[in-house]
Amino acid sequence: MSREIKQRIISIMPLYLSKECPAYSELIKAIEDIPDDKFYQVINDPLLYINQRIHYLLDEILFFINQHYPIPHEQGLQLDRFINEIKTICIDLIKNNETMKNDIVRLENRIECLENHIECLENDRIETKKRRAIAELLTPFVKEIRTMMINQHVPDCYYSKSIINACLLRSQGQSISWEIADFNRDNRQTNFDINIFNNFELIIKHQTDSLRLNYDTLLEFLLDKMDRNEAKHDTVKKILRHNAHGNTSFNEYLSSIGISDAFDMNQKLCLENLYRNHFVAHYHTI
C-alpha cells in the first residue's frame, strides 16, 4: 500500500514540475527514499474532519484522472487550480453550514425560552381568572357566614386567615398551635378562645353540610379569597349577564371564559352549589 501511494505521488509530479527541470529527477529520488512506515502512518490516520475527507477525496480524483488519462503539464496545472478551487468552495460551504447550524441551535434555544415564558404567562392568566372567580362567587356566602357569626356572638376577628387555616389543619388532624399564635399576635386585645373557635367552626360546617359541600375544599376557597382584594370586578357583571340569558350552570360560565379545566370535579360541585344557592340570589337582590 505504501509503495502504491509513492507511485501515485510520482505519477502526478509532471503536473507540477516539468520533466526537463534539473530538479525533477532529484525530487523523484527524494520521494523514493521516504520510508514506507511514514506513508503507512498517514494512510491509517483517521480522517476526523470533513475538510480532511474532502481533500482526500479530491486528491483521489486527481490521482485517478492522471493515472488513466495522462495530462500534459499545462493542463495539469489548470486541473490542479480547479481542484483547489473546489476544495475552497467545499470548505467554505462547510463553514457556512456550521455557522447556520449554530444559528439554528441558538434560535431553537430562544424559541424554547419563549415557549416556556408563554406557558408561564398562560398559567398566570388562568390562575388569575380562577382566583377572581372564586373570590367573587364566595362573596355572598362569606356575608352569610359573618351574619351568623354576629348572631352567635362570634367576634369578627375570627374570620381571618389564621383561623381558617386552623380549621383546615384540624380537619386534617394536624396541630393548630402556630395558627393560634398568629391569631394572638394579630389580635393583641383578644386572646384565642377555643370555645369561640369551635362555634366558628360549627358555623362553617353547618353551611357545608346544608349545601352538601366538601368542607376542606370550601376552606381552601376561603383562603384563596382572602389572598386577593374583595373589590368587585367586571367578572361579576359577566356572571350576571350569563345568568340573565338563561344559562344557570356555573360550569357553563367557566367554559365561556376558557377556564373550565382549571378546577377539578369536587371544586366544580362546590362552586356550582354556591353559585345556585347564594351568588345569583344575592346579586339579584342588590
Protein backbone atom coordinates (compact mmCIF):
# COMPACT_ATOMS: atom_id res chain seq x y z
CA MET A 1 0.00 0.00 0.00
CA SER A 2 2.86 2.41 0.85
CA ARG A 3 4.55 1.65 -2.49
CA GLU A 4 1.25 2.37 -4.28
CA ILE A 5 0.97 5.76 -2.54
CA LYS A 6 4.53 6.61 -3.57
CA GLN A 7 3.82 5.69 -7.18
CA ARG A 8 0.67 7.83 -7.20
CA ILE A 9 2.61 10.84 -5.94
CA ILE A 10 5.34 10.29 -8.52
CA SER A 11 2.73 9.89 -11.28
CA ILE A 12 1.35 13.38 -10.73
CA MET A 13 4.69 15.15 -10.35
CA PRO A 14 4.66 16.18 -14.04
CA LEU A 15 1.53 18.20 -13.24
CA TYR A 16 3.62 20.46 -11.05
CA LEU A 17 7.15 20.18 -12.39
CA SER A 18 8.44 19.71 -15.95
CA LYS A 19 10.46 16.54 -16.52
CA GLU A 20 13.08 18.69 -18.25
CA CYS A 21 13.67 20.57 -15.00
CA PRO A 22 17.01 19.60 -13.38
CA ALA A 23 15.31 19.21 -10.00
CA TYR A 24 12.77 16.73 -11.33
CA SER A 25 14.94 13.62 -11.01
CA GLU A 26 16.21 14.71 -7.58
CA LEU A 27 12.65 15.19 -6.33
CA ILE A 28 11.62 11.75 -7.63
CA LYS A 29 14.59 10.18 -5.83
CA ALA A 30 13.72 12.05 -2.60
CA ILE A 31 10.19 10.67 -2.73
CA GLU A 32 11.52 7.15 -3.41
CA ASP A 33 13.76 7.43 -0.34
CA ILE A 34 10.89 8.28 2.09
CA PRO A 35 10.49 5.29 4.49
CA ASP A 36 7.38 3.23 3.88
CA ASP A 37 6.30 3.50 7.52
CA LYS A 38 5.78 7.24 7.08
CA PHE A 39 3.21 6.57 4.37
CA TYR A 40 1.68 3.77 6.42
CA GLN A 41 1.13 6.19 9.32
CA VAL A 42 -0.55 8.74 7.08
CA ILE A 43 -2.92 6.32 5.36
CA ASN A 44 -4.00 4.81 8.68
CA ASP A 45 -4.70 8.09 10.50
CA PRO A 46 -8.49 8.57 10.85
CA LEU A 47 -9.98 11.37 8.80
CA LEU A 48 -11.62 13.15 11.69
CA TYR A 49 -12.76 16.28 9.96
CA ILE A 50 -14.96 16.80 6.93
CA ASN A 51 -12.47 19.10 5.23
CA GLN A 52 -9.80 16.39 5.53
CA ARG A 53 -12.14 13.92 3.88
CA ILE A 54 -12.86 16.40 1.09
CA HIS A 55 -9.13 16.96 0.49
CA TYR A 56 -8.58 13.23 0.45
CA LEU A 57 -11.45 12.57 -1.96
CA LEU A 58 -10.44 15.30 -4.41
CA ASP A 59 -6.82 14.15 -4.34
CA GLU A 60 -8.05 10.64 -5.11
CA ILE A 61 -9.95 12.04 -8.09
CA LEU A 62 -6.80 13.81 -9.30
CA PHE A 63 -4.77 10.63 -8.92
CA PHE A 64 -7.40 8.68 -10.84
CA ILE A 65 -7.52 11.17 -13.72
CA ASN A 66 -3.75 11.27 -14.09
CA GLN A 67 -3.47 7.51 -13.87
CA HIS A 68 -5.97 6.76 -16.62
CA TYR A 69 -5.70 9.89 -18.76
CA PRO A 70 -2.11 11.22 -18.85
CA ILE A 71 -2.36 15.00 -18.72
CA PRO A 72 0.20 17.47 -20.16
CA HIS A 73 1.93 19.84 -17.75
CA GLU A 74 -0.11 22.95 -18.62
CA GLN A 75 -3.44 21.13 -18.37
CA GLY A 76 -2.25 19.56 -15.13
CA LEU A 77 -1.63 22.97 -13.59
CA GLN A 78 -5.09 24.13 -14.70
CA LEU A 79 -6.72 20.98 -13.29
CA ASP A 80 -4.85 21.47 -10.03
CA ARG A 81 -6.22 25.04 -9.78
CA PHE A 82 -9.74 23.73 -10.40
CA ILE A 83 -9.34 21.09 -7.71
CA ASN A 84 -8.06 23.68 -5.23
CA GLU A 85 -10.99 25.96 -6.05
CA ILE A 86 -13.38 23.08 -5.45
CA LYS A 87 -11.67 22.40 -2.12
CA THR A 88 -12.04 26.05 -1.13
CA ILE A 89 -15.71 26.14 -2.14
CA CYS A 90 -16.45 22.93 -0.22
CA ILE A 91 -14.67 24.14 2.89
CA ASP A 92 -16.50 27.49 2.72
CA LEU A 93 -19.79 25.62 2.40
CA ILE A 94 -18.90 23.52 5.44
CA LYS A 95 -18.04 26.61 7.46
CA ASN A 96 -21.27 28.31 6.40
CA ASN A 97 -23.20 25.16 7.24
CA GLU A 98 -21.63 25.01 10.71
CA THR A 99 -22.44 28.68 11.26
CA MET A 100 -26.02 28.06 10.16
CA LYS A 101 -26.26 25.06 12.50
CA ASN A 102 -25.06 27.19 15.40
CA ASP A 103 -27.57 29.89 14.49
CA ILE A 104 -30.35 27.30 14.35
CA VAL A 105 -29.36 25.94 17.77
CA ARG A 106 -29.41 29.46 19.23
CA LEU A 107 -32.81 30.13 17.65
CA GLU A 108 -34.18 26.83 18.95
CA ASN A 109 -32.96 27.73 22.45
CA ARG A 110 -34.61 31.13 22.21
CA ILE A 111 -37.84 29.56 20.95
CA GLU A 112 -37.80 27.13 23.87
CA CYS A 113 -37.32 30.02 26.31
CA LEU A 114 -40.16 31.94 24.67
CA GLU A 115 -42.43 28.88 24.79
CA ASN A 116 -41.68 28.44 28.49
CA HIS A 117 -42.36 32.12 29.08
CA ILE A 118 -45.65 31.93 27.17
CA GLU A 119 -46.63 28.85 29.17
CA CYS A 120 -45.90 30.70 32.43
CA LEU A 121 -47.95 33.68 31.28
CA GLU A 122 -50.83 31.41 30.28
CA ASN A 123 -50.70 29.64 33.64
CA ASP A 124 -50.69 33.01 35.41
CA ARG A 125 -53.65 34.16 33.32
CA ILE A 126 -55.65 31.05 34.16
CA GLU A 127 -54.72 31.26 37.85
CA THR A 128 -55.77 34.92 37.96
CA LYS A 129 -59.15 34.13 36.39
CA LYS A 130 -59.55 31.17 38.71
CA ARG A 131 -58.88 33.20 41.86
CA ARG A 132 -61.10 36.03 40.65
CA ALA A 133 -64.00 33.65 40.01
CA ILE A 134 -63.59 32.03 43.44
CA ALA A 135 -63.39 35.35 45.28
CA GLU A 136 -66.46 36.84 43.63
CA LEU A 137 -68.56 33.70 43.88
CA LEU A 138 -67.85 33.37 47.61
CA THR A 139 -68.74 36.98 48.48
CA PRO A 140 -72.43 36.38 49.36
CA PHE A 141 -71.53 33.16 51.17
CA VAL A 142 -68.97 34.99 53.31
CA LYS A 143 -71.51 37.67 54.14
CA GLU A 144 -73.90 35.00 55.34
CA ILE A 145 -71.15 33.48 57.48
CA ARG A 146 -70.44 36.88 59.01
CA THR A 147 -74.15 37.38 59.74
CA MET A 148 -74.29 34.04 61.53
CA MET A 149 -71.16 34.99 63.47
CA ILE A 150 -72.88 38.16 64.69
CA ASN A 151 -76.00 36.21 65.67
CA GLN A 152 -73.92 33.72 67.65
CA HIS A 153 -71.65 36.37 69.21
CA VAL A 154 -68.51 35.23 67.44
CA PRO A 155 -66.13 38.24 67.12
CA ASP A 156 -65.49 39.34 63.54
CA CYS A 157 -61.74 38.92 64.04
CA TYR A 158 -62.25 35.15 63.96
CA TYR A 159 -62.96 35.39 60.27
CA SER A 160 -59.25 35.57 59.45
CA LYS A 161 -56.65 33.64 57.53
CA SER A 162 -55.07 32.16 60.66
CA ILE A 163 -58.44 30.84 61.92
CA ILE A 164 -59.45 29.42 58.51
CA ASN A 165 -56.02 27.75 58.34
CA ALA A 166 -56.61 26.37 61.83
CA CYS A 167 -59.96 24.90 60.74
CA LEU A 168 -58.33 23.25 57.74
CA LEU A 169 -55.41 21.85 59.75
CA ARG A 170 -57.65 20.49 62.50
CA SER A 171 -59.82 18.84 59.85
CA GLN A 172 -56.67 17.09 58.64
CA GLY A 173 -55.67 16.06 62.17
CA GLN A 174 -52.74 18.47 62.46
CA SER A 175 -51.64 20.86 65.19
CA ILE A 176 -53.00 24.43 65.12
CA SER A 177 -50.61 25.94 67.69
CA TRP A 178 -48.86 28.16 65.13
CA GLU A 179 -52.18 29.47 63.85
CA ILE A 180 -53.28 30.28 67.43
CA ALA A 181 -50.00 32.17 67.95
CA ASP A 182 -50.56 34.09 64.70
CA PHE A 183 -54.11 34.96 65.77
CA ASN A 184 -52.96 36.23 69.18
CA ARG A 185 -50.21 38.28 67.56
CA ASP A 186 -52.66 39.90 65.13
CA ASN A 187 -55.33 40.48 67.80
CA ARG A 188 -53.49 41.53 70.94
CA GLN A 189 -56.68 42.74 72.64
CA THR A 190 -58.42 39.39 72.15
CA ASN A 191 -56.91 36.12 73.33
CA PHE A 192 -57.75 32.99 71.39
CA ASP A 193 -60.78 31.23 72.88
CA ILE A 194 -61.22 27.57 71.94
CA ASN A 195 -64.98 27.71 72.59
CA ILE A 196 -65.43 30.65 70.23
CA PHE A 197 -63.25 28.87 67.70
CA ASN A 198 -65.44 25.76 67.98
CA ASN A 199 -68.55 27.89 67.40
CA PHE A 200 -66.98 29.45 64.32
CA GLU A 201 -66.06 26.01 63.03
CA LEU A 202 -69.63 24.79 63.58
CA ILE A 203 -70.98 27.74 61.57
CA ILE A 204 -68.80 26.76 58.60
CA LYS A 205 -69.66 23.07 58.95
CA HIS A 206 -73.37 23.83 59.19
CA GLN A 207 -73.19 25.68 55.87
CA THR A 208 -71.17 22.98 54.15
CA ASP A 209 -73.47 20.24 55.43
CA SER A 210 -76.63 22.06 54.41
CA LEU A 211 -75.28 22.64 50.90
CA ARG A 212 -73.52 19.26 50.75
CA LEU A 213 -70.16 20.90 50.10
CA ASN A 214 -66.73 19.44 50.75
CA TYR A 215 -65.56 21.10 53.96
CA ASP A 216 -61.82 21.19 53.17
CA THR A 217 -62.43 22.42 49.62
CA LEU A 218 -64.57 25.30 50.88
CA LEU A 219 -61.92 26.29 53.43
CA GLU A 220 -59.28 26.33 50.67
CA PHE A 221 -61.55 28.55 48.58
CA LEU A 222 -61.99 30.92 51.52
CA LEU A 223 -58.21 31.15 51.85
CA ASP A 224 -57.93 31.90 48.13
CA LYS A 225 -60.48 34.65 48.52
CA MET A 226 -58.52 36.19 51.38
CA ASP A 227 -55.42 36.27 49.19
CA ARG A 228 -56.90 38.82 46.84
CA ASN A 229 -58.80 42.04 47.06
CA GLU A 230 -62.52 41.57 47.64
CA ALA A 231 -63.42 44.53 45.46
CA LYS A 232 -65.94 43.74 42.74
CA HIS A 233 -64.65 43.39 39.20
CA ASP A 234 -66.17 43.09 35.78
CA THR A 235 -66.36 39.32 36.22
CA VAL A 236 -69.46 39.75 38.42
CA LYS A 237 -71.23 41.57 35.61
CA LYS A 238 -70.25 38.82 33.19
CA ILE A 239 -71.66 36.15 35.50
CA LEU A 240 -74.93 38.04 35.93
CA ARG A 241 -75.16 38.69 32.20
CA HIS A 242 -74.51 34.99 31.60
CA ASN A 243 -77.28 34.05 34.05
CA ALA A 244 -79.68 36.62 32.55
CA HIS A 245 -79.51 34.74 29.24
CA GLY A 246 -80.88 31.63 30.91
CA ASN A 247 -77.52 29.90 31.42
CA THR A 248 -77.82 28.87 35.06
CA SER A 249 -74.86 26.47 35.18
CA PHE A 250 -71.68 27.88 36.68
CA ASN A 251 -69.68 25.28 34.76
CA GLU A 252 -71.06 26.72 31.50
CA TYR A 253 -69.86 30.12 32.62
CA LEU A 254 -66.39 28.72 33.35
CA SER A 255 -66.35 27.21 29.86
CA SER A 256 -67.37 30.55 28.34
CA ILE A 257 -64.29 32.26 29.84
CA GLY A 258 -61.96 29.37 28.98
CA ILE A 259 -61.09 28.05 32.44
CA SER A 260 -63.38 25.04 32.78
CA ASP A 261 -60.37 22.73 33.13
CA ALA A 262 -58.82 24.85 35.89
CA PHE A 263 -60.98 23.15 38.55
CA ASP A 264 -61.32 19.50 39.49
CA MET A 265 -64.75 17.87 39.76
CA ASN A 266 -65.00 18.34 43.53
CA GLN A 267 -64.22 22.05 43.19
CA LYS A 268 -66.78 22.43 40.39
CA LEU A 269 -69.51 20.82 42.51
CA CYS A 270 -68.71 23.13 45.40
CA LEU A 271 -68.74 26.23 43.19
CA GLU A 272 -71.93 25.15 41.42
CA ASN A 273 -73.78 24.84 44.73
CA LEU A 274 -72.52 28.22 45.92
CA TYR A 275 -73.46 29.77 42.60
CA ARG A 276 -77.02 28.42 42.58
CA ASN A 277 -77.83 28.85 46.28
CA HIS A 278 -76.07 32.09 47.21
CA PHE A 279 -74.40 34.05 44.49
CA VAL A 280 -77.20 34.62 41.97
CA ALA A 281 -79.89 35.29 44.59
CA HIS A 282 -77.63 37.69 46.48
CA TYR A 283 -76.74 39.86 43.49
CA HIS A 284 -80.26 39.92 42.10
CA THR A 285 -81.44 41.47 45.38
CA ILE A 286 -78.90 44.30 45.16
